[in-house]
């Protein structure tokens, strides 16, 4: 999988690159680099393809602008991702060529002759390899947590991610509080590694739309993963922070799942609980959320309330959710919904009637609470 042109031009060696055409193509994918330094128009096999970032000085066309135009025609026909021209012979291009590149979303850059082409190539290939590595590791994490593997195989897969892992681990999953693209997340991880001492037994990885921190340590050494996260600027102000219990390396699948479940709890409940051990009944619900048993239980409670609301344009389900959020306290529920307490009592009695639980109290609250929690999980975008 390649990277976008706009990701490439964020790199240090590209800060002085001047975009002269094709701004609409900055989201073109790039998966390799090519050099155009000889005429390939008539007598040579065309070497460039979709996803190429082409670098040239147009040496072969230094005295003939028509050769430049023909070359760019062929680049467009072959769907190359971008063209960078070293300003040895050309510091700009005619309006006709620029208009053509704009029409075809071909980004064209001019860069200074003092910038080494080898450095440009190295930077592009490094960022492509880095992104490919993120994808590979993410797929290994998926295998670790979603497959029925022996503990020995799980440990081996963990060591493929980081051969320096110690035998004890805690895992944190940090999800940005505001939307960030995958590219933004990779940039954050790159900067964390650039400006901090990470430690060889620690891995900081992109996973889905968040950052996974796997912290391994030697036996009997006290570890504060929360303090470590703060030290590398992964904090509660910018991220939902979730931390697993401590596990052995062969149980890293459990640790990763716990951190993900805890993060989902924080987002759903808008709570500040950091540790998986504090997520209450969600510890039981989360691992089974996709089973038919949970689905049937949830539908048996929530769906009749939704159907009633749709039929009578009422607020029974909303009241049920708020009632559970207020710990089944009628006064708190009424205050939070700006309703009279008798209105809330009436709605609760209506819920019992709809569900055939007229004579239940504790059991009604218990079943409603679990159903609302399942509803929140299933209705979230996590």
Protein backbone atom coordinates (compact mmCIF):
# COMPACT_ATOMS: atom_id res chain seq x y z
CA UNK A 1 0.00 0.00 0.00
CA UNK A 2 1.39 3.37 -1.01
CA UNK A 3 1.29 6.81 0.56
CA UNK A 4 -0.40 9.99 -0.59
CA UNK A 5 1.56 12.72 -2.37
CA UNK A 6 0.53 15.12 0.40
CA UNK A 7 2.17 12.83 2.99
CA UNK A 8 5.43 12.85 1.07
CA UNK A 9 5.68 16.63 0.81
CA UNK A 10 5.53 16.92 4.61
CA UNK A 11 8.99 15.36 4.84
CA UNK A 12 11.98 17.58 5.60
CA UNK A 13 13.61 17.26 2.18
CA UNK A 14 10.38 18.35 0.51
CA UNK A 15 9.81 21.60 2.39
CA UNK A 16 11.41 23.58 -0.43
CA UNK A 17 9.53 21.76 -3.20
CA UNK A 18 7.36 24.20 -5.12
CA UNK A 19 4.02 22.93 -6.45
CA UNK A 20 3.38 24.52 -9.84
CA UNK A 21 0.51 22.33 -11.09
CA UNK A 22 -1.89 19.51 -10.23
CA UNK A 23 -2.94 20.46 -6.69
CA UNK A 24 -6.07 18.33 -7.12
CA UNK A 25 -3.81 15.26 -7.36
CA UNK A 26 -2.20 15.55 -3.93
CA UNK A 27 -4.21 12.50 -2.80
CA UNK A 28 -2.73 10.35 -5.58
CA UNK A 29 -1.16 7.15 -4.24
CA UNK A 30 2.59 6.66 -4.53
CA UNK A 31 4.16 3.21 -4.17
CA UNK A 32 7.57 3.62 -5.84
CA UNK A 33 10.02 6.13 -7.31
CA UNK A 34 11.30 6.40 -10.87
CA UNK A 35 14.02 8.48 -12.56
CA UNK A 36 13.47 10.03 -15.99
CA UNK A 37 16.85 11.16 -17.29
CA UNK A 38 16.89 9.99 -20.88
CA UNK A 39 14.52 10.14 -23.79
CA UNK A 40 12.02 7.28 -23.68
CA UNK A 41 9.43 8.71 -25.99
CA UNK A 42 10.10 7.00 -29.31
CA UNK A 43 12.77 4.36 -29.01
CA UNK A 44 12.55 2.99 -25.49
CA UNK A 45 9.97 0.96 -23.60
CA UNK A 46 7.92 3.20 -21.32
CA UNK A 47 9.00 2.43 -17.79
CA UNK A 48 6.55 4.32 -15.60
CA UNK A 49 3.19 3.21 -14.21
CA UNK A 50 0.36 4.16 -11.91
CA UNK A 51 1.63 5.13 -8.47
CA UNK A 52 5.12 6.24 -9.57
CA UNK A 53 6.73 9.39 -8.22
CA UNK A 54 8.90 10.48 -11.16
CA UNK A 55 12.03 12.62 -10.71
CA UNK A 56 13.79 14.34 -13.62
CA UNK A 57 15.91 17.30 -14.68
CA UNK A 58 14.67 16.91 -18.29
CA UNK A 59 18.29 16.76 -19.44
CA UNK A 60 17.22 15.09 -22.70
CA UNK A 61 14.70 17.89 -23.29
CA UNK A 62 16.82 20.84 -22.16
CA UNK A 63 16.70 22.42 -25.61
CA UNK A 64 13.22 21.34 -26.66
CA UNK A 65 10.16 22.21 -24.59
CA UNK A 66 8.08 19.99 -26.91
CA UNK A 67 9.90 16.95 -25.52
CA UNK A 68 8.87 18.05 -22.04
CA UNK A 69 5.26 18.23 -23.16
CA UNK A 70 5.43 14.81 -24.85
CA UNK A 71 6.97 13.30 -21.71
CA UNK A 72 4.24 14.71 -19.50
CA UNK A 73 1.62 13.43 -21.96
CA UNK A 74 3.02 9.93 -21.49
CA UNK A 75 3.18 10.31 -17.72
CA UNK A 76 -0.51 11.25 -17.68
CA UNK A 77 -1.41 8.38 -20.01
CA UNK A 78 0.32 5.97 -17.63
CA UNK A 79 -1.36 7.48 -14.53
CA UNK A 80 1.86 8.31 -12.66
CA UNK A 81 1.25 9.84 -9.25
CA UNK A 82 3.50 12.92 -9.37
CA UNK A 83 6.42 14.56 -11.19
CA UNK A 84 9.30 16.45 -9.56
CA UNK A 85 11.63 18.52 -11.76
CA UNK A 86 15.10 19.48 -10.58
CA UNK A 87 15.63 23.08 -11.67
CA UNK A 88 18.85 22.53 -13.60
CA UNK A 89 17.28 23.44 -16.95
CA UNK A 90 13.70 24.43 -16.12
CA UNK A 91 12.56 26.66 -13.26
CA UNK A 92 9.01 26.84 -14.57
CA UNK A 93 6.84 25.44 -17.35
CA UNK A 94 4.59 27.04 -20.00
CA UNK A 95 0.96 27.72 -19.11
CA UNK A 96 -0.19 25.12 -21.65
CA UNK A 97 1.64 22.32 -19.80
CA UNK A 98 0.51 23.56 -16.39
CA UNK A 99 -3.11 23.69 -17.54
CA UNK A 100 -2.81 20.15 -18.91
CA UNK A 101 -1.37 18.87 -15.60
CA UNK A 102 -4.15 20.63 -13.69
CA UNK A 103 -6.82 19.07 -15.89
CA UNK A 104 -5.36 15.62 -15.31
CA UNK A 105 -4.56 16.00 -11.58
CA UNK A 106 -0.83 15.41 -12.07
CA UNK A 107 1.09 17.22 -9.32
CA UNK A 108 4.25 18.82 -10.72
CA UNK A 109 6.92 20.15 -8.37
CA UNK A 110 10.08 22.17 -8.98
CA UNK A 111 12.94 21.57 -6.55
CA UNK A 112 16.39 23.09 -6.13
CA UNK A 113 19.36 21.57 -7.93
CA UNK A 114 21.29 21.49 -4.63
CA UNK A 115 18.90 18.84 -3.24
CA UNK A 116 20.30 15.37 -3.88
CA UNK A 117 17.97 13.08 -5.81
CA UNK A 118 19.26 10.15 -3.77
CA UNK A 119 17.99 11.79 -0.57
CA UNK A 120 14.58 12.38 -2.15
CA UNK A 121 14.34 8.75 -3.28
CA UNK A 122 15.43 7.44 0.13
CA UNK A 123 12.88 9.57 1.97
CA UNK A 124 10.02 8.45 -0.28
CA UNK A 125 10.89 4.77 -0.04
CA UNK A 126 11.33 5.03 3.75
CA UNK A 127 7.86 6.49 4.24
CA UNK A 128 6.34 3.83 1.95
CA UNK A 129 8.12 1.02 3.83
CA UNK A 130 7.10 2.57 7.15
CA UNK A 131 3.43 2.60 6.16
CA UNK A 132 3.64 -0.94 4.81
CA UNK A 133 5.17 -1.99 8.12
CA UNK A 134 2.29 -0.42 10.05
CA UNK A 135 -0.16 -2.38 7.91
CA UNK A 136 1.77 -5.64 8.41
CA UNK A 137 1.92 -5.22 12.19
CA UNK A 138 -1.75 -4.25 12.34
CA UNK A 139 -2.63 -7.47 10.52
CA UNK A 140 -0.55 -9.46 13.05
CA UNK A 141 -2.42 -7.83 15.91
CA UNK A 142 -5.70 -8.82 14.25
CA UNK A 143 -4.48 -12.41 14.04
CA UNK A 144 -3.36 -12.37 17.69
CA UNK A 145 -6.68 -11.13 19.07
CA UNK A 146 -9.13 -12.70 16.63
CA UNK A 147 -7.77 -16.21 16.06
CA UNK A 148 -7.97 -19.31 18.20
CA UNK A 149 -4.24 -19.80 18.72
CA UNK A 150 -2.17 -21.62 21.31
CA UNK A 151 -0.35 -19.50 23.89
CA UNK A 152 2.98 -20.53 22.34
CA UNK A 153 1.96 -19.25 18.90
CA UNK A 154 0.63 -16.01 20.42
CA UNK A 155 3.96 -15.46 22.18
CA UNK A 156 5.85 -16.10 18.93
CA UNK A 157 3.69 -13.61 17.01
CA UNK A 158 4.30 -11.03 19.73
CA UNK A 159 8.05 -11.52 19.38
CA UNK A 160 7.71 -11.02 15.63
CA UNK A 161 6.33 -7.58 16.42
CA UNK A 162 9.19 -6.85 18.83
CA UNK A 163 11.90 -9.41 19.49
CA UNK A 164 12.93 -7.49 22.64
CA UNK A 165 9.64 -7.95 24.48
CA UNK A 166 10.04 -9.13 28.08
CA UNK A 167 7.78 -11.82 29.52
CA UNK A 168 5.36 -9.44 31.30
CA UNK A 169 3.19 -6.88 29.54
CA UNK A 170 0.59 -4.19 30.05
CA UNK A 171 -1.14 -2.65 27.04
CA UNK A 172 -2.71 0.75 26.50
CA UNK A 173 -5.01 1.75 23.68
CA UNK A 174 -5.18 5.50 23.13
CA UNK A 175 -7.88 6.89 20.86
CA UNK A 176 -7.71 10.57 19.83
CA UNK A 177 -10.59 12.65 21.19
CA UNK A 178 -10.90 14.41 17.85
CA UNK A 179 -10.85 12.74 14.43
CA UNK A 180 -7.40 12.05 13.01
CA UNK A 181 -6.65 10.34 9.70
CA UNK A 182 -4.45 7.25 9.55
CA UNK A 183 -1.69 9.46 8.15
CA UNK A 184 -2.02 11.83 11.12
CA UNK A 185 -1.76 8.93 13.55
CA UNK A 186 1.35 7.58 11.82
CA UNK A 187 2.88 11.08 11.97
CA UNK A 188 2.20 11.24 15.72
CA UNK A 189 3.86 7.85 16.27
CA UNK A 190 6.84 8.91 14.15
CA UNK A 191 7.26 12.07 16.24
CA UNK A 192 6.92 10.17 19.52
CA UNK A 193 9.74 7.88 18.46
CA UNK A 194 11.82 10.78 17.17
CA UNK A 195 11.68 12.92 20.32
CA UNK A 196 11.45 10.36 23.13
CA UNK A 197 13.46 7.51 24.58
CA UNK A 198 11.04 4.67 23.89
CA UNK A 199 12.88 1.69 25.32
CA UNK A 200 13.58 -1.54 23.44
CA UNK A 201 10.88 -3.49 25.30
CA UNK A 202 8.15 -1.07 24.24
CA UNK A 203 6.24 -0.94 20.95
CA UNK A 204 4.10 2.01 19.86
CA UNK A 205 1.87 1.02 16.96
CA UNK A 206 -1.01 2.29 14.89
CA UNK A 207 -4.07 0.11 15.34
CA UNK A 208 -7.35 0.99 13.63
CA UNK A 209 -7.95 4.66 14.49
CA UNK A 210 -5.81 4.77 17.61
CA UNK A 211 -2.37 4.14 19.10
CA UNK A 212 -1.51 0.85 20.77
CA UNK A 213 1.29 0.92 23.35
CA UNK A 214 2.65 -2.47 24.38
CA UNK A 215 4.85 -2.06 27.46
CA UNK A 216 6.84 -5.11 28.48
CA UNK A 217 8.91 -5.39 31.64
CA UNK A 218 10.94 -7.82 33.69
CA UNK A 219 9.38 -9.76 36.54
CA UNK A 220 9.06 -7.96 39.90
CA UNK A 221 9.73 -4.53 38.38
CA UNK A 222 7.00 -2.04 39.27
CA UNK A 223 5.50 -0.45 36.18
CA UNK A 224 3.29 2.64 35.80
CA UNK A 225 2.11 2.59 32.22
CA UNK A 226 -0.01 5.67 32.86
CA UNK A 227 3.06 7.70 33.88
CA UNK A 228 4.90 6.39 30.84
CA UNK A 229 2.09 7.53 28.53
CA UNK A 230 2.22 11.01 30.03
CA UNK A 231 5.97 11.13 29.50
CA UNK A 232 5.50 10.64 25.74
CA UNK A 233 2.57 13.09 25.56
CA UNK A 234 -0.26 10.56 25.29
CA UNK A 235 -2.53 12.18 27.86
CA UNK A 236 -6.18 12.39 28.89
CA UNK A 237 -6.54 15.88 27.44
CA UNK A 238 -6.04 14.66 23.87
CA UNK A 239 -6.85 10.93 24.08
CA UNK A 240 -9.21 8.43 25.61
CA UNK A 241 -6.67 6.47 27.63
CA UNK A 242 -7.32 2.80 28.41
CA UNK A 243 -4.96 0.41 30.17
CA UNK A 244 -5.20 -3.37 30.52
CA UNK A 245 -4.41 -5.52 33.51
CA UNK A 246 -0.91 -7.01 33.67
CA UNK A 247 -0.36 -10.28 31.82
CA UNK A 248 2.34 -12.64 30.66
CA UNK A 249 3.54 -12.27 27.07
CA UNK A 250 1.76 -15.47 26.03
CA UNK A 251 -1.51 -13.79 27.09
CA UNK A 252 -0.85 -10.57 25.18
CA UNK A 253 -4.06 -11.20 23.21
CA UNK A 254 -6.04 -10.76 26.43
CA UNK A 255 -4.13 -7.61 27.35
CA UNK A 256 -4.78 -6.03 23.95
CA UNK A 257 -8.48 -6.89 24.08
CA UNK A 258 -8.78 -5.45 27.58
CA UNK A 259 -7.27 -2.14 26.49
CA UNK A 260 -9.66 -1.95 23.53
CA UNK A 261 -12.69 -2.83 25.66
CA UNK A 262 -11.70 -0.23 28.24
CA UNK A 263 -11.31 2.44 25.56
CA UNK A 264 -14.77 1.62 24.18
CA UNK A 265 -16.17 1.92 27.69
CA UNK A 266 -14.62 5.38 28.08
CA UNK A 267 -16.02 6.60 24.76
CA UNK A 268 -19.49 5.13 25.30
CA UNK A 269 -19.93 6.17 28.92
CA UNK A 270 -17.91 9.41 28.53
CA UNK A 271 -16.13 8.29 31.66
CA UNK A 272 -12.56 8.87 32.78
CA UNK A 273 -11.85 5.37 34.01
CA UNK A 274 -8.42 4.47 32.73
CA UNK A 275 -8.04 0.89 33.88
CA UNK A 276 -9.87 -2.14 32.52
CA UNK A 277 -10.40 -3.47 36.05
CA UNK A 278 -12.72 -0.51 36.75
CA UNK A 279 -15.17 -1.00 33.86
CA UNK A 280 -17.70 -3.01 35.86
CA UNK A 281 -20.21 -5.20 34.06
CA UNK A 282 -18.80 -4.13 30.69
CA UNK A 283 -16.01 -6.66 31.38
CA UNK A 284 -18.65 -9.36 30.96
CA UNK A 285 -20.59 -7.79 28.08
CA UNK A 286 -17.83 -6.66 25.70
CA UNK A 287 -16.29 -10.07 24.85
CA UNK A 288 -19.70 -11.50 23.92
CA UNK A 289 -21.22 -8.50 22.17
CA UNK A 290 -21.38 -10.25 18.78
CA UNK A 291 -23.00 -13.47 19.99
CA UNK A 292 -26.57 -14.42 19.15
CA UNK A 293 -27.38 -14.75 22.88
CA UNK A 294 -26.51 -11.14 23.60
CA UNK A 295 -28.34 -9.99 20.48
CA UNK A 296 -31.50 -11.85 21.42
CA UNK A 297 -31.42 -10.54 25.00
CA UNK A 298 -30.91 -6.96 23.78
CA UNK A 299 -33.68 -7.17 21.17
CA UNK A 300 -36.10 -8.58 23.70
CA UNK A 301 -35.80 -5.47 25.88
CA UNK A 302 -34.86 -2.57 23.62
CA UNK A 303 -36.86 -3.30 20.46
CA UNK A 304 -40.32 -3.24 22.12
CA UNK A 305 -39.47 0.18 23.60
CA UNK A 306 -38.32 1.50 20.22
CA UNK A 307 -41.43 0.18 18.50
CA UNK A 308 -43.64 1.83 21.12
CA UNK A 309 -41.84 5.15 20.62
CA UNK A 310 -42.24 4.98 16.86
CA UNK A 311 -45.92 4.15 17.15
CA UNK A 312 -46.86 6.81 19.72
CA UNK A 313 -44.09 9.38 19.16
CA UNK A 314 -43.02 9.04 22.78
CA UNK A 315 -39.70 9.12 24.67
CA UNK A 316 -39.74 5.79 26.46
CA UNK A 317 -36.34 4.55 25.24
CA UNK A 318 -34.67 7.92 25.90
CA UNK A 319 -36.07 7.82 29.42
CA UNK A 320 -34.86 4.23 29.90
CA UNK A 321 -31.31 5.21 28.91
CA UNK A 322 -31.28 8.27 31.16
CA UNK A 323 -32.81 6.26 34.06
CA UNK A 324 -29.93 3.76 33.86
CA UNK A 325 -27.34 6.54 33.51
CA UNK A 326 -28.77 8.07 36.71
CA UNK A 327 -28.41 4.76 38.62
CA UNK A 328 -32.18 4.16 38.56
CA UNK A 329 -32.76 7.29 40.63
CA UNK A 330 -36.07 8.84 39.61
CA UNK A 331 -35.30 12.33 40.94
CA UNK A 332 -31.93 12.48 39.14
CA UNK A 333 -33.56 11.22 35.96
CA UNK A 334 -36.31 13.82 36.18
CA UNK A 335 -33.82 16.63 36.82
CA UNK A 336 -31.57 15.58 33.92
CA UNK A 337 -34.55 15.43 31.53
CA UNK A 338 -36.25 18.57 32.92
CA UNK A 339 -39.37 16.54 33.70
CA UNK A 340 -41.55 16.12 36.77
CA UNK A 341 -40.82 13.05 38.85
CA UNK A 342 -44.35 11.72 38.26
CA UNK A 343 -43.73 11.85 34.50
CA UNK A 344 -40.66 9.66 34.91
CA UNK A 345 -42.59 7.26 37.19
CA UNK A 346 -45.33 6.99 34.59
CA UNK A 347 -42.81 6.22 31.84
CA UNK A 348 -41.05 3.59 33.93
CA UNK A 349 -44.37 1.89 34.68
CA UNK A 350 -45.14 2.04 30.96
CA UNK A 351 -41.81 0.32 30.24
CA UNK A 352 -42.70 -2.48 32.65
CA UNK A 353 -46.10 -2.83 31.01
CA UNK A 354 -44.62 -2.97 27.50
CA UNK A 355 -42.07 -5.59 28.59
CA UNK A 356 -44.47 -7.64 30.72
CA UNK A 357 -42.51 -6.85 33.88
CA UNK A 358 -45.28 -5.09 35.83
CA UNK A 359 -44.57 -6.92 39.06
CA UNK A 360 -40.76 -6.76 38.87
CA UNK A 361 -38.49 -4.16 40.48
CA UNK A 362 -34.90 -5.25 41.04
CA UNK A 363 -34.97 -7.70 38.13
CA UNK A 364 -36.44 -5.02 35.85
CA UNK A 365 -33.68 -2.55 36.69
CA UNK A 366 -31.05 -5.24 36.26
CA UNK A 367 -32.26 -6.39 32.84
CA UNK A 368 -32.87 -2.85 31.62
CA UNK A 369 -29.37 -1.80 32.72
CA UNK A 370 -27.67 -4.60 30.81
CA UNK A 371 -29.81 -3.99 27.73
CA UNK A 372 -29.05 -0.26 27.69
CA UNK A 373 -25.34 -0.96 27.93
CA UNK A 374 -25.54 -3.38 25.00
CA UNK A 375 -27.57 -0.79 23.07
CA UNK A 376 -24.88 1.84 23.64
CA UNK A 377 -22.14 -0.49 22.41
CA UNK A 378 -24.04 -1.53 19.30
CA UNK A 379 -25.15 2.02 18.48
CA UNK A 380 -21.66 3.48 18.84
CA UNK A 381 -19.33 3.90 15.85
CA UNK A 382 -16.50 1.93 17.50
